[in-house]
Amino acid sequence: MKKILSIIPARYGSKGLKKKNILPFDGKPLLFWSIDHALYSKMITDVLVSSDSEIVLNLCKKKYQNIILDKRPKELSSDTAKSIDVLNYISKN
């Protein structure tokens, strides 16, 4: 069986809506919707959440035991950081 990794970038800061990834949306943090859908998928075998925030990662750690958590550097979590740079960072680690 092929392995398919879902990578969910979830930085803590946001210009528009502060802490949007951990704000509740319909009863759970917005980020959890993405994680739950990735885990529910029949095609995805692994889920990785990448964040610059210990708060985000600890929240995920408490709820999910079967996902991969990645603490990425602040420079890959700025408003100008590119998703491709995050993917390159993850692929090297």
C-alpha atoms as a PDB file:
ATOM      1  CA  MET A   1       0.000   0.000   0.000  1.00  0.00           C
ATOM      2  CA  LYS A   2       1.238   3.463  -0.891  1.00  0.00           C
ATOM      3  CA  LYS A   3       1.847   5.928   1.910  1.00  0.00           C
ATOM      4  CA  ILE A   4       0.223   9.314   1.470  1.00  0.00           C
ATOM      5  CA  LEU A   5       1.109  12.089   3.888  1.00  0.00           C
ATOM      6  CA  SER A   6      -1.218  15.011   4.556  1.00  0.00           C
ATOM      7  CA  ILE A   7       0.724  18.078   5.677  1.00  0.00           C
ATOM      8  CA  ILE A   8      -1.293  20.698   7.551  1.00  0.00           C
ATOM      9  CA  PRO A   9       0.584  23.969   8.112  1.00  0.00           C
ATOM     10  CA  ALA A  10      -0.875  25.727  11.163  1.00  0.00           C
ATOM     11  CA  ARG A  11       0.956  28.824  12.218  1.00  0.00           C
ATOM     12  CA  TYR A  12      -0.096  30.642  15.344  1.00  0.00           C
ATOM     13  CA  GLY A  13      -0.012  34.199  14.088  1.00  0.00           C
ATOM     14  CA  SER A  14      -2.475  35.681  11.677  1.00  0.00           C
ATOM     15  CA  LYS A  15      -2.966  39.212  10.447  1.00  0.00           C
ATOM     16  CA  GLY A  16      -6.704  38.997   9.903  1.00  0.00           C
ATOM     17  CA  LEU A  17      -8.021  36.791  12.690  1.00  0.00           C
ATOM     18  CA  LYS A  18      -5.702  36.314  15.656  1.00  0.00           C
ATOM     19  CA  LYS A  19      -5.039  32.676  16.660  1.00  0.00           C
ATOM     20  CA  LYS A  20      -7.526  31.522  14.008  1.00  0.00           C
ATOM     21  CA  ASN A  21      -6.291  27.916  13.959  1.00  0.00           C
ATOM     22  CA  ILE A  22      -7.231  27.367  17.601  1.00  0.00           C
ATOM     23  CA  LEU A  23     -10.419  29.441  17.691  1.00  0.00           C
ATOM     24  CA  PRO A  24     -13.587  27.371  18.068  1.00  0.00           C
ATOM     25  CA  PHE A  25     -15.664  26.812  14.962  1.00  0.00           C
ATOM     26  CA  ASP A  26     -18.869  24.814  15.372  1.00  0.00           C
ATOM     27  CA  GLY A  27     -17.665  23.270  18.625  1.00  0.00           C
ATOM     28  CA  LYS A  28     -13.992  22.596  17.973  1.00  0.00           C
ATOM     29  CA  PRO A  29     -10.824  24.452  16.981  1.00  0.00           C
ATOM     30  CA  LEU A  30     -10.685  25.300  13.285  1.00  0.00           C
ATOM     31  CA  LEU A  31      -7.490  23.266  12.878  1.00  0.00           C
ATOM     32  CA  PHE A  32      -9.214  20.107  14.146  1.00  0.00           C
ATOM     33  CA  TRP A  33     -11.580  20.181  11.167  1.00  0.00           C
ATOM     34  CA  SER A  34      -8.623  19.769   8.801  1.00  0.00           C
ATOM     35  CA  ILE A  35      -7.050  17.049  10.924  1.00  0.00           C
ATOM     36  CA  ASP A  36     -10.316  15.125  11.280  1.00  0.00           C
ATOM     37  CA  HIS A  37     -10.965  15.193   7.541  1.00  0.00           C
ATOM     38  CA  ALA A  38      -7.435  14.042   6.781  1.00  0.00           C
ATOM     39  CA  LEU A  39      -7.767  11.176   9.286  1.00  0.00           C
ATOM     40  CA  TYR A  40     -11.173  10.240   7.854  1.00  0.00           C
ATOM     41  CA  SER A  41      -9.834  10.023   4.304  1.00  0.00           C
ATOM     42  CA  LYS A  42      -9.381   6.512   2.968  1.00  0.00           C
ATOM     43  CA  MET A  43      -6.434   7.680   0.858  1.00  0.00           C
ATOM     44  CA  ILE A  44      -4.317   9.472   3.472  1.00  0.00           C
ATOM     45  CA  THR A  45      -2.176   7.198   5.624  1.00  0.00           C
ATOM     46  CA  ASP A  46      -0.363   9.780   7.772  1.00  0.00           C
ATOM     47  CA  VAL A  47      -1.136  13.276   9.023  1.00  0.00           C
ATOM     48  CA  LEU A  48       1.513  15.839   9.932  1.00  0.00           C
ATOM     49  CA  VAL A  49       0.739  19.175  11.585  1.00  0.00           C
ATOM     50  CA  SER A  50       3.523  21.729  11.235  1.00  0.00           C
ATOM     51  CA  SER A  51       3.455  24.810  13.457  1.00  0.00           C
ATOM     52  CA  ASP A  52       5.693  27.423  14.992  1.00  0.00           C
ATOM     53  CA  SER A  53       3.612  27.293  18.172  1.00  0.00           C
ATOM     54  CA  GLU A  54       3.913  25.004  21.173  1.00  0.00           C
ATOM     55  CA  ILE A  55       0.324  26.001  22.009  1.00  0.00           C
ATOM     56  CA  VAL A  56      -0.950  24.632  18.694  1.00  0.00           C
ATOM     57  CA  LEU A  57       1.192  21.496  18.905  1.00  0.00           C
ATOM     58  CA  ASN A  58       0.208  20.769  22.531  1.00  0.00           C
ATOM     59  CA  LEU A  59      -3.469  21.210  21.693  1.00  0.00           C
ATOM     60  CA  CYS A  60      -3.070  18.669  18.882  1.00  0.00           C
ATOM     61  CA  LYS A  61      -1.053  16.319  21.096  1.00  0.00           C
ATOM     62  CA  LYS A  62      -3.830  16.223  23.711  1.00  0.00           C
ATOM     63  CA  LYS A  63      -6.509  15.346  21.151  1.00  0.00           C
ATOM     64  CA  TYR A  64      -4.664  13.136  18.640  1.00  0.00           C
ATOM     65  CA  GLN A  65      -2.208  10.368  19.415  1.00  0.00           C
ATOM     66  CA  ASN A  66      -1.902   9.156  15.829  1.00  0.00           C
ATOM     67  CA  ILE A  67      -0.556  12.244  14.063  1.00  0.00           C
ATOM     68  CA  ILE A  68       2.940  13.584  13.510  1.00  0.00           C
ATOM     69  CA  LEU A  69       3.775  16.955  15.058  1.00  0.00           C
ATOM     70  CA  ASP A  70       6.482  19.198  13.646  1.00  0.00           C
ATOM     71  CA  LYS A  71       7.817  22.349  15.314  1.00  0.00           C
ATOM     72  CA  ARG A  72       9.077  24.563  12.545  1.00  0.00           C
ATOM     73  CA  PRO A  73      11.270  27.655  12.805  1.00  0.00           C
ATOM     74  CA  LYS A  74       9.726  31.121  13.137  1.00  0.00           C
ATOM     75  CA  GLU A  75      11.193  32.218   9.787  1.00  0.00           C
ATOM     76  CA  LEU A  76       8.967  29.616   8.090  1.00  0.00           C
ATOM     77  CA  SER A  77       5.879  30.980   9.838  1.00  0.00           C
ATOM     78  CA  SER A  78       5.868  34.602   8.780  1.00  0.00           C
ATOM     79  CA  ASP A  79       3.329  36.320   6.541  1.00  0.00           C
ATOM     80  CA  THR A  80       5.814  36.079   3.697  1.00  0.00           C
ATOM     81  CA  ALA A  81       6.840  32.442   4.213  1.00  0.00           C
ATOM     82  CA  LYS A  82       6.016  30.201   1.273  1.00  0.00           C
ATOM     83  CA  SER A  83       4.354  26.803   1.578  1.00  0.00           C
ATOM     84  CA  ILE A  84       7.027  25.268  -0.657  1.00  0.00           C
ATOM     85  CA  ASP A  85       9.690  26.329   1.854  1.00  0.00           C
ATOM     86  CA  VAL A  86       7.734  24.616   4.646  1.00  0.00           C
ATOM     87  CA  LEU A  87       7.472  21.448   2.534  1.00  0.00           C
ATOM     88  CA  ASN A  88      11.208  21.543   1.777  1.00  0.00           C
ATOM     89  CA  TYR A  89      11.965  21.957   5.491  1.00  0.00           C
ATOM     90  CA  ILE A  90       9.739  19.012   6.406  1.00  0.00           C
ATOM     91  CA  SER A  91      11.227  16.780   3.707  1.00  0.00           C
ATOM     92  CA  LYS A  92      14.729  17.389   5.081  1.00  0.00           C
ATOM     93  CA  ASN A  93      13.787  16.557   8.678  1.00  0.00           C
END
